[in-house]
Amino acid sequence: RLTAYEFAHDDVDGECCLLCHSSAAGDWVNCGICGEWAHFGCDRRQGLGAFKDYAKTDGLEYICPHCSISNFKKKPQKIANGFLQGSTVSRPL
C-alpha cells in the first residue's frame, strides 16, 4: 500500500530507509554512491549539514554511513609535486 507521500514523490518508489528499514514519510535523502534512500533524521552522525543543504540541487551530496565508512577505509594516496608518494615505479631519466 502506497502512502500519500509516495504518491507525491514517485522517486522514493516504496523504498525502505537503509537505516531504520521503514518506508514512513520523512526527509528522504539519496546516497550519491550506492543510490540507497534514507531518512535524513535517522542519520545521527556528527557534522552532517541540515536537510535543506542536501535537498537543494546544487547543495551537498549525501553519502550514507555505509558508503562513508567504506570510503574512509580506502586511504587516498598522497600526491606531492604531482607524483604519488611511496610509489615504487621507477622512471627512466
PDB file of N, CA and C in Angstrom:
ATOM      1  N   ARG A   1       0.836  -1.181   0.000  1.00  0.00           N
ATOM      2  CA  ARG A   1       0.000   0.000   0.000  1.00  0.00           C
ATOM      3  C   ARG A   1       0.877   1.239   0.000  1.00  0.00           C
ATOM      4  N   LEU A   2       0.666   2.118  -0.944  1.00  0.00           N
ATOM      5  CA  LEU A   2       1.462   3.341  -1.030  1.00  0.00           C
ATOM      6  C   LEU A   2       0.879   4.424  -0.132  1.00  0.00           C
ATOM      7  N   THR A   3       1.757   5.158   0.504  1.00  0.00           N
ATOM      8  CA  THR A   3       1.311   6.282   1.320  1.00  0.00           C
ATOM      9  C   THR A   3       1.116   7.505   0.419  1.00  0.00           C
ATOM     10  N   ALA A   4       0.454   8.502   0.948  1.00  0.00           N
ATOM     11  CA  ALA A   4       0.263   9.746   0.196  1.00  0.00           C
ATOM     12  C   ALA A   4       1.606  10.351  -0.180  1.00  0.00           C
ATOM     13  N   TYR A   5       2.597  10.216   0.687  1.00  0.00           N
ATOM     14  CA  TYR A   5       3.935  10.755   0.408  1.00  0.00           C
ATOM     15  C   TYR A   5       4.527  10.064  -0.827  1.00  0.00           C
ATOM     16  N   GLU A   6       4.372   8.746  -0.887  1.00  0.00           N
ATOM     17  CA  GLU A   6       4.935   8.008  -2.009  1.00  0.00           C
ATOM     18  C   GLU A   6       4.225   8.346  -3.323  1.00  0.00           C
ATOM     19  N   PHE A   7       2.911   8.599  -3.258  1.00  0.00           N
ATOM     20  CA  PHE A   7       2.208   9.041  -4.454  1.00  0.00           C
ATOM     21  C   PHE A   7       2.748  10.379  -4.934  1.00  0.00           C
ATOM     22  N   ALA A   8       3.044  11.265  -3.993  1.00  0.00           N
ATOM     23  CA  ALA A   8       3.525  12.600  -4.342  1.00  0.00           C
ATOM     24  C   ALA A   8       4.994  12.586  -4.752  1.00  0.00           C
ATOM     25  N   HIS A   9       5.744  11.610  -4.274  1.00  0.00           N
ATOM     26  CA  HIS A   9       7.187  11.529  -4.550  1.00  0.00           C
ATOM     27  C   HIS A   9       7.493  10.173  -5.151  1.00  0.00           C
ATOM     28  N   ASP A  10       7.256  10.030  -6.444  1.00  0.00           N
ATOM     29  CA  ASP A  10       7.452   8.731  -7.068  1.00  0.00           C
ATOM     30  C   ASP A  10       8.919   8.315  -7.134  1.00  0.00           C
ATOM     31  N   ASP A  11       9.839   9.245  -6.828  1.00  0.00           N
ATOM     32  CA  ASP A  11      11.260   8.876  -6.823  1.00  0.00           C
ATOM     33  C   ASP A  11      11.601   7.974  -5.645  1.00  0.00           C
ATOM     34  N   VAL A  12      10.798   8.013  -4.571  1.00  0.00           N
ATOM     35  CA  VAL A  12      11.047   7.131  -3.426  1.00  0.00           C
ATOM     36  C   VAL A  12      10.608   5.713  -3.787  1.00  0.00           C
ATOM     37  N   ASP A  13       9.476   5.573  -4.480  1.00  0.00           N
ATOM     38  CA  ASP A  13       9.065   4.314  -5.084  1.00  0.00           C
ATOM     39  C   ASP A  13       9.014   3.147  -4.102  1.00  0.00           C
ATOM     40  N   GLY A  14       8.446   3.363  -2.919  1.00  0.00           N
ATOM     41  CA  GLY A  14       8.262   2.277  -1.969  1.00  0.00           C
ATOM     42  C   GLY A  14       9.539   1.790  -1.323  1.00  0.00           C
ATOM     43  N   GLU A  15      10.609   2.549  -1.425  1.00  0.00           N
ATOM     44  CA  GLU A  15      11.883   2.161  -0.823  1.00  0.00           C
ATOM     45  C   GLU A  15      11.776   2.172   0.691  1.00  0.00           C
ATOM     46  N   CYS A  16      12.663   1.430   1.326  1.00  0.00           N
ATOM     47  CA  CYS A  16      12.771   1.457   2.778  1.00  0.00           C
ATOM     48  C   CYS A  16      14.043   2.208   3.142  1.00  0.00           C
ATOM     49  N   CYS A  17      13.992   2.902   4.248  1.00  0.00           N
ATOM     50  CA  CYS A  17      15.172   3.605   4.756  1.00  0.00           C
ATOM     51  C   CYS A  17      16.265   2.591   5.041  1.00  0.00           C
ATOM     52  N   LEU A  18      17.467   2.825   4.555  1.00  0.00           N
ATOM     53  CA  LEU A  18      18.540   1.869   4.780  1.00  0.00           C
ATOM     54  C   LEU A  18      19.000   1.866   6.235  1.00  0.00           C
ATOM     55  N   LEU A  19      18.581   2.853   7.023  1.00  0.00           N
ATOM     56  CA  LEU A  19      18.978   2.914   8.424  1.00  0.00           C
ATOM     57  C   LEU A  19      17.917   2.339   9.365  1.00  0.00           C
ATOM     58  N   CYS A  20      16.640   2.711   9.160  1.00  0.00           N
ATOM     59  CA  CYS A  20      15.584   2.224  10.066  1.00  0.00           C
ATOM     60  C   CYS A  20      14.687   1.178   9.402  1.00  0.00           C
ATOM     61  N   HIS A  21      14.874   0.957   8.098  1.00  0.00           N
ATOM     62  CA  HIS A  21      14.126  -0.046   7.321  1.00  0.00           C
ATOM     63  C   HIS A  21      12.625   0.206   7.292  1.00  0.00           C
ATOM     64  N   SER A  22      12.227   1.457   7.453  1.00  0.00           N
ATOM     65  CA  SER A  22      10.822   1.841   7.375  1.00  0.00           C
ATOM     66  C   SER A  22      10.613   2.621   6.081  1.00  0.00           C
ATOM     67  N   SER A  23       9.396   2.558   5.559  1.00  0.00           N
ATOM     68  CA  SER A  23       9.092   3.355   4.368  1.00  0.00           C
ATOM     69  C   SER A  23       8.223   4.560   4.738  1.00  0.00           C
ATOM     70  N   ALA A  24       8.260   4.935   6.024  1.00  0.00           N
ATOM     71  CA  ALA A  24       7.446   6.050   6.510  1.00  0.00           C
ATOM     72  C   ALA A  24       7.863   7.357   5.844  1.00  0.00           C
ATOM     73  N   ALA A  25       6.914   8.273   5.755  1.00  0.00           N
ATOM     74  CA  ALA A  25       7.206   9.595   5.194  1.00  0.00           C
ATOM     75  C   ALA A  25       8.243  10.293   6.063  1.00  0.00           C
ATOM     76  N   GLY A  26       8.993  11.164   5.462  1.00  0.00           N
ATOM     77  CA  GLY A  26      10.016  11.904   6.204  1.00  0.00           C
ATOM     78  C   GLY A  26      10.910  12.654   5.242  1.00  0.00           C
ATOM     79  N   ASP A  27      12.026  13.112   5.753  1.00  0.00           N
ATOM     80  CA  ASP A  27      13.010  13.839   4.955  1.00  0.00           C
ATOM     81  C   ASP A  27      13.936  12.827   4.289  1.00  0.00           C
ATOM     82  N   TRP A  28      13.581  12.372   3.095  1.00  0.00           N
ATOM     83  CA  TRP A  28      14.359  11.360   2.386  1.00  0.00           C
ATOM     84  C   TRP A  28      15.573  11.982   1.705  1.00  0.00           C
ATOM     85  N   VAL A  29      16.704  11.295   1.781  1.00  0.00           N
ATOM     86  CA  VAL A  29      17.910  11.670   1.047  1.00  0.00           C
ATOM     87  C   VAL A  29      18.418  10.434   0.320  1.00  0.00           C
ATOM     88  N   ASN A  30      19.069  10.658  -0.797  1.00  0.00           N
ATOM     89  CA  ASN A  30      19.558   9.582  -1.640  1.00  0.00           C
ATOM     90  C   ASN A  30      21.073   9.590  -1.631  1.00  0.00           C
ATOM     91  N   CYS A  31      21.683   8.451  -1.305  1.00  0.00           N
ATOM     92  CA  CYS A  31      23.151   8.372  -1.251  1.00  0.00           C
ATOM     93  C   CYS A  31      23.733   8.540  -2.652  1.00  0.00           C
ATOM     94  N   GLY A  32      24.707   9.413  -2.761  1.00  0.00           N
ATOM     95  CA  GLY A  32      25.344   9.686  -4.043  1.00  0.00           C
ATOM     96  C   GLY A  32      26.259   8.574  -4.513  1.00  0.00           C
ATOM     97  N   ILE A  33      26.554   7.586  -3.653  1.00  0.00           N
ATOM     98  CA  ILE A  33      27.445   6.494  -4.049  1.00  0.00           C
ATOM     99  C   ILE A  33      26.650   5.219  -4.353  1.00  0.00           C
ATOM    100  N   CYS A  34      25.855   4.736  -3.385  1.00  0.00           N
ATOM    101  CA  CYS A  34      25.147   3.466  -3.587  1.00  0.00           C
ATOM    102  C   CYS A  34      23.740   3.651  -4.121  1.00  0.00           C
ATOM    103  N   GLY A  35      23.206   4.884  -4.055  1.00  0.00           N
ATOM    104  CA  GLY A  35      21.868   5.136  -4.570  1.00  0.00           C
ATOM    105  C   GLY A  35      20.744   4.740  -3.629  1.00  0.00           C
ATOM    106  N   GLU A  36      21.082   4.266  -2.439  1.00  0.00           N
ATOM    107  CA  GLU A  36      20.048   3.878  -1.471  1.00  0.00           C
ATOM    108  C   GLU A  36      19.425   5.115  -0.847  1.00  0.00           C
ATOM    109  N   TRP A  37      18.178   4.958  -0.378  1.00  0.00           N
ATOM    110  CA  TRP A  37      17.446   6.052   0.247  1.00  0.00           C
ATOM    111  C   TRP A  37      17.482   5.912   1.760  1.00  0.00           C
ATOM    112  N   ALA A  38      17.484   7.035   2.443  1.00  0.00           N
ATOM    113  CA  ALA A  38      17.449   7.044   3.910  1.00  0.00           C
ATOM    114  C   ALA A  38      16.673   8.259   4.384  1.00  0.00           C
ATOM    115  N   HIS A  39      16.112   8.128   5.575  1.00  0.00           N
ATOM    116  CA  HIS A  39      15.529   9.305   6.228  1.00  0.00           C
ATOM    117  C   HIS A  39      16.705  10.117   6.763  1.00  0.00           C
ATOM    118  N   PHE A  40      16.749  11.377   6.440  1.00  0.00           N
ATOM    119  CA  PHE A  40      17.850  12.208   6.914  1.00  0.00           C
ATOM    120  C   PHE A  40      17.903  12.195   8.440  1.00  0.00           C
ATOM    121  N   GLY A  41      16.739  12.187   9.094  1.00  0.00           N
ATOM    122  CA  GLY A  41      16.684  12.195  10.553  1.00  0.00           C
ATOM    123  C   GLY A  41      17.207  10.924  11.206  1.00  0.00           C
ATOM    124  N   CYS A  42      17.291   9.823  10.445  1.00  0.00           N
ATOM    125  CA  CYS A  42      17.814   8.567  11.004  1.00  0.00           C
ATOM    126  C   CYS A  42      19.339   8.571  11.073  1.00  0.00           C
ATOM    127  N   ASP A  43      19.962   9.437  10.296  1.00  0.00           N
ATOM    128  CA  ASP A  43      21.426   9.503  10.269  1.00  0.00           C
ATOM    129  C   ASP A  43      21.877  10.445  11.375  1.00  0.00           C
ATOM    130  N   ARG A  44      22.420   9.891  12.422  1.00  0.00           N
ATOM    131  CA  ARG A  44      22.763  10.668  13.614  1.00  0.00           C
ATOM    132  C   ARG A  44      24.247  11.048  13.675  1.00  0.00           C
ATOM    133  N   ARG A  45      24.947  10.907  12.570  1.00  0.00           N
ATOM    134  CA  ARG A  45      26.384  11.232  12.590  1.00  0.00           C
ATOM    135  C   ARG A  45      26.611  12.710  12.891  1.00  0.00           C
ATOM    136  N   GLN A  46      27.691  12.983  13.585  1.00  0.00           N
ATOM    137  CA  GLN A  46      28.100  14.361  13.870  1.00  0.00           C
ATOM    138  C   GLN A  46      28.604  14.997  12.576  1.00  0.00           C
ATOM    139  N   GLY A  47      28.394  16.278  12.440  1.00  0.00           N
ATOM    140  CA  GLY A  47      28.986  17.010  11.336  1.00  0.00           C
ATOM    141  C   GLY A  47      28.168  17.036  10.056  1.00  0.00           C
ATOM    142  N   LEU A  48      27.003  16.392  10.053  1.00  0.00           N
ATOM    143  CA  LEU A  48      26.153  16.490   8.858  1.00  0.00           C
ATOM    144  C   LEU A  48      25.546  17.881   8.809  1.00  0.00           C
ATOM    145  N   GLY A  49      25.310  18.372   7.616  1.00  0.00           N
ATOM    146  CA  GLY A  49      24.645  19.659   7.472  1.00  0.00           C
ATOM    147  C   GLY A  49      23.164  19.522   7.803  1.00  0.00           C
ATOM    148  N   ALA A  50      22.395  20.522   7.474  1.00  0.00           N
ATOM    149  CA  ALA A  50      20.949  20.473   7.653  1.00  0.00           C
ATOM    150  C   ALA A  50      20.327  19.794   6.435  1.00  0.00           C
ATOM    151  N   PHE A  51      19.131  19.236   6.607  1.00  0.00           N
ATOM    152  CA  PHE A  51      18.459  18.554   5.499  1.00  0.00           C
ATOM    153  C   PHE A  51      18.352  19.450   4.272  1.00  0.00           C
ATOM    154  N   LYS A  52      18.056  20.733   4.500  1.00  0.00           N
ATOM    155  CA  LYS A  52      17.894  21.658   3.366  1.00  0.00           C
ATOM    156  C   LYS A  52      19.177  21.768   2.542  1.00  0.00           C
ATOM    157  N   ASP A  53      20.343  21.545   3.171  1.00  0.00           N
ATOM    158  CA  ASP A  53      21.612  21.603   2.439  1.00  0.00           C
ATOM    159  C   ASP A  53      21.727  20.451   1.437  1.00  0.00           C
ATOM    160  N   TYR A  54      21.128  19.310   1.773  1.00  0.00           N
ATOM    161  CA  TYR A  54      21.197  18.135   0.895  1.00  0.00           C
ATOM    162  C   TYR A  54      20.039  18.103  -0.091  1.00  0.00           C
ATOM    163  N   ALA A  55      18.944  18.787   0.241  1.00  0.00           N
ATOM    164  CA  ALA A  55      17.754  18.747  -0.599  1.00  0.00           C
ATOM    165  C   ALA A  55      17.889  19.643  -1.828  1.00  0.00           C
ATOM    166  N   LYS A  56      18.781  20.633  -1.783  1.00  0.00           N
ATOM    167  CA  LYS A  56      18.953  21.541  -2.918  1.00  0.00           C
ATOM    168  C   LYS A  56      19.708  20.842  -4.044  1.00  0.00           C
ATOM    169  N   THR A  57      19.364  21.166  -5.273  1.00  0.00           N
ATOM    170  CA  THR A  57      20.024  20.569  -6.431  1.00  0.00           C
ATOM    171  C   THR A  57      21.523  20.870  -6.425  1.00  0.00           C
ATOM    172  N   ASP A  58      21.882  22.085  -6.062  1.00  0.00           N
ATOM    173  CA  ASP A  58      23.301  22.460  -6.075  1.00  0.00           C
ATOM    174  C   ASP A  58      23.892  22.393  -4.668  1.00  0.00           C
ATOM    175  N   GLY A  59      23.236  21.669  -3.773  1.00  0.00           N
ATOM    176  CA  GLY A  59      23.696  21.582  -2.387  1.00  0.00           C
ATOM    177  C   GLY A  59      24.711  20.471  -2.176  1.00  0.00           C
ATOM    178  N   LEU A  60      24.786  20.008  -0.951  1.00  0.00           N
ATOM    179  CA  LEU A  60      25.732  18.961  -0.581  1.00  0.00           C
ATOM    180  C   LEU A  60      25.258  17.607  -1.098  1.00  0.00           C
ATOM    181  N   GLU A  61      26.196  16.719  -1.395  1.00  0.00           N
ATOM    182  CA  GLU A  61      25.841  15.363  -1.793  1.00  0.00           C
ATOM    183  C   GLU A  61      25.779  14.512  -0.536  1.00  0.00           C
ATOM    184  N   TYR A  62      24.663  13.810  -0.346  1.00  0.00           N
ATOM    185  CA  TYR A  62      24.520  12.940   0.822  1.00  0.00           C
ATOM    186  C   TYR A  62      25.256  11.634   0.564  1.00  0.00           C
ATOM    187  N   ILE A  63      26.072  11.211   1.525  1.00  0.00           N
ATOM    188  CA  ILE A  63      26.751   9.920   1.470  1.00  0.00           C
ATOM    189  C   ILE A  63      26.321   9.157   2.723  1.00  0.00           C
ATOM    190  N   CYS A  64      25.710   7.987   2.544  1.00  0.00           N
ATOM    191  CA  CYS A  64      25.190   7.224   3.674  1.00  0.00           C
ATOM    192  C   CYS A  64      26.331   6.726   4.571  1.00  0.00           C
ATOM    193  N   PRO A  65      26.011   6.356   5.812  1.00  0.00           N
ATOM    194  CA  PRO A  65      27.057   5.881   6.731  1.00  0.00           C
ATOM    195  C   PRO A  65      27.824   4.679   6.192  1.00  0.00           C
ATOM    196  N   HIS A  66      27.133   3.765   5.512  1.00  0.00           N
ATOM    197  CA  HIS A  66      27.811   2.564   4.994  1.00  0.00           C
ATOM    198  C   HIS A  66      28.875   2.934   3.960  1.00  0.00           C
ATOM    199  N   CYS A  67      28.512   3.830   3.041  1.00  0.00           N
ATOM    200  CA  CYS A  67      29.459   4.237   1.997  1.00  0.00           C
ATOM    201  C   CYS A  67      30.564   5.119   2.561  1.00  0.00           C
ATOM    202  N   SER A  68      30.253   5.965   3.537  1.00  0.00           N
ATOM    203  CA  SER A  68      31.294   6.840   4.066  1.00  0.00           C
ATOM    204  C   SER A  68      32.324   6.022   4.845  1.00  0.00           C
ATOM    205  N   ILE A  69      31.895   4.919   5.474  1.00  0.00           N
ATOM    206  CA  ILE A  69      32.842   4.032   6.164  1.00  0.00           C
ATOM    207  C   ILE A  69      33.706   3.319   5.137  1.00  0.00           C
ATOM    208  N   SER A  70      33.093   2.830   4.058  1.00  0.00           N
ATOM    209  CA  SER A  70      33.850   2.142   3.004  1.00  0.00           C
ATOM    210  C   SER A  70      34.874   3.076   2.390  1.00  0.00           C
ATOM    211  N   ASN A  71      34.465   4.312   2.121  1.00  0.00           N
ATOM    212  CA  ASN A  71      35.381   5.273   1.516  1.00  0.00           C
ATOM    213  C   ASN A  71      36.472   5.683   2.482  1.00  0.00           C
ATOM    214  N   PHE A  72      36.150   5.732   3.774  1.00  0.00           N
ATOM    215  CA  PHE A  72      37.143   6.114   4.768  1.00  0.00           C
ATOM    216  C   PHE A  72      38.237   5.057   4.864  1.00  0.00           C
ATOM    217  N   LYS A  73      37.858   3.775   4.711  1.00  0.00           N
ATOM    218  CA  LYS A  73      38.833   2.689   4.814  1.00  0.00           C
ATOM    219  C   LYS A  73      39.806   2.696   3.644  1.00  0.00           C
ATOM    220  N   LYS A  74      39.347   3.153   2.485  1.00  0.00           N
ATOM    221  CA  LYS A  74      40.231   3.256   1.326  1.00  0.00           C
ATOM    222  C   LYS A  74      41.036   4.533   1.491  1.00  0.00           C
ATOM    223  N   LYS A  75      42.261   4.407   1.955  1.00  0.00           N
ATOM    224  CA  LYS A  75      43.068   5.604   2.193  1.00  0.00           C
ATOM    225  C   LYS A  75      43.516   6.178   0.860  1.00  0.00           C
ATOM    226  N   PRO A  76      43.257   7.439   0.663  1.00  0.00           N
ATOM    227  CA  PRO A  76      43.705   8.048  -0.592  1.00  0.00           C
ATOM    228  C   PRO A  76      45.229   8.125  -0.624  1.00  0.00           C
ATOM    229  N   GLN A  77      45.784   7.918  -1.807  1.00  0.00           N
ATOM    230  CA  GLN A  77      47.233   8.023  -1.942  1.00  0.00           C
ATOM    231  C   GLN A  77      47.608   9.497  -1.935  1.00  0.00           C
ATOM    232  N   LYS A  78      48.663   9.803  -1.221  1.00  0.00           N
ATOM    233  CA  LYS A  78      49.091  11.195  -1.130  1.00  0.00           C
ATOM    234  C   LYS A  78      49.883  11.561  -2.380  1.00  0.00           C
ATOM    235  N   ILE A  79      49.588  12.718  -2.887  1.00  0.00           N
ATOM    236  CA  ILE A  79      50.295  13.196  -4.072  1.00  0.00           C
ATOM    237  C   ILE A  79      51.099  14.431  -3.670  1.00  0.00           C
ATOM    238  N   ALA A  80      52.387  14.394  -3.966  1.00  0.00           N
ATOM    239  CA  ALA A  80      53.252  15.534  -3.685  1.00  0.00           C
ATOM    240  C   ALA A  80      54.023  15.868  -4.949  1.00  0.00           C
ATOM    241  N   ASN A  81      54.054  17.112  -5.304  1.00  0.00           N
ATOM    242  CA  ASN A  81      54.747  17.570  -6.505  1.00  0.00           C
ATOM    243  C   ASN A  81      54.283  16.822  -7.755  1.00  0.00           C
ATOM    244  N   GLY A  82      53.024  16.411  -7.769  1.00  0.00           N
ATOM    245  CA  GLY A  82      52.486  15.743  -8.944  1.00  0.00           C
ATOM    246  C   GLY A  82      52.791  14.260  -9.023  1.00  0.00           C
ATOM    247  N   PHE A  83      53.500  13.703  -8.023  1.00  0.00           N
ATOM    248  CA  PHE A  83      53.848  12.283  -8.038  1.00  0.00           C
ATOM    249  C   PHE A  83      53.297  11.599  -6.793  1.00  0.00           C
ATOM    250  N   LEU A  84      52.921  10.323  -6.941  1.00  0.00           N
ATOM    251  CA  LEU A  84      52.467   9.577  -5.786  1.00  0.00           C
ATOM    252  C   LEU A  84      53.631   9.348  -4.839  1.00  0.00           C
ATOM    253  N   GLN A  85      53.407   9.586  -3.559  1.00  0.00           N
ATOM    254  CA  GLN A  85      54.446   9.323  -2.579  1.00  0.00           C
ATOM    255  C   GLN A  85      54.497   7.835  -2.300  1.00  0.00           C
ATOM    256  N   GLY A  86      55.695   7.317  -2.103  1.00  0.00           N
ATOM    257  CA  GLY A  86      55.832   5.907  -1.781  1.00  0.00           C
ATOM    258  C   GLY A  86      55.653   5.007  -3.006  1.00  0.00           C
ATOM    259  N   SER A  87      55.571   5.583  -4.157  1.00  0.00           N
ATOM    260  CA  SER A  87      55.413   4.798  -5.367  1.00  0.00           C
ATOM    261  C   SER A  87      56.728   4.095  -5.681  1.00  0.00           C
ATOM    262  N   THR A  88      56.642   2.818  -6.057  1.00  0.00           N
ATOM    263  CA  THR A  88      57.853   2.047  -6.329  1.00  0.00           C
ATOM    264  C   THR A  88      58.128   1.953  -7.829  1.00  0.00           C
ATOM    265  N   VAL A  89      57.357   2.664  -8.609  1.00  0.00           N
ATOM    266  CA  VAL A  89      57.560   2.639 -10.064  1.00  0.00           C
ATOM    267  C   VAL A  89      58.793   3.475 -10.387  1.00  0.00           C
ATOM    268  N   SER A  90      59.750   2.852 -11.093  1.00  0.00           N
ATOM    269  CA  SER A  90      60.942   3.611 -11.477  1.00  0.00           C
ATOM    270  C   SER A  90      60.722   4.181 -12.871  1.00  0.00           C
ATOM    271  N   ARG A  91      61.228   5.356 -13.080  1.00  0.00           N
ATOM    272  CA  ARG A  91      61.046   6.009 -14.372  1.00  0.00           C
ATOM    273  C   ARG A  91      62.420   6.279 -14.983  1.00  0.00           C
ATOM    274  N   PRO A  92      62.568   6.052 -16.265  1.00  0.00           N
ATOM    275  CA  PRO A  92      63.858   6.378 -16.901  1.00  0.00           C
ATOM    276  C   PRO A  92      64.083   7.891 -16.901  1.00  0.00           C
ATOM    277  N   LEU A  93      65.326   8.270 -16.796  1.00  0.00           N
ATOM    278  CA  LEU A  93      65.673   9.699 -16.782  1.00  0.00           C
ATOM    279  C   LEU A  93      65.770  10.239 -18.176  1.00  0.00           C
TER     280      LEU A  93
END
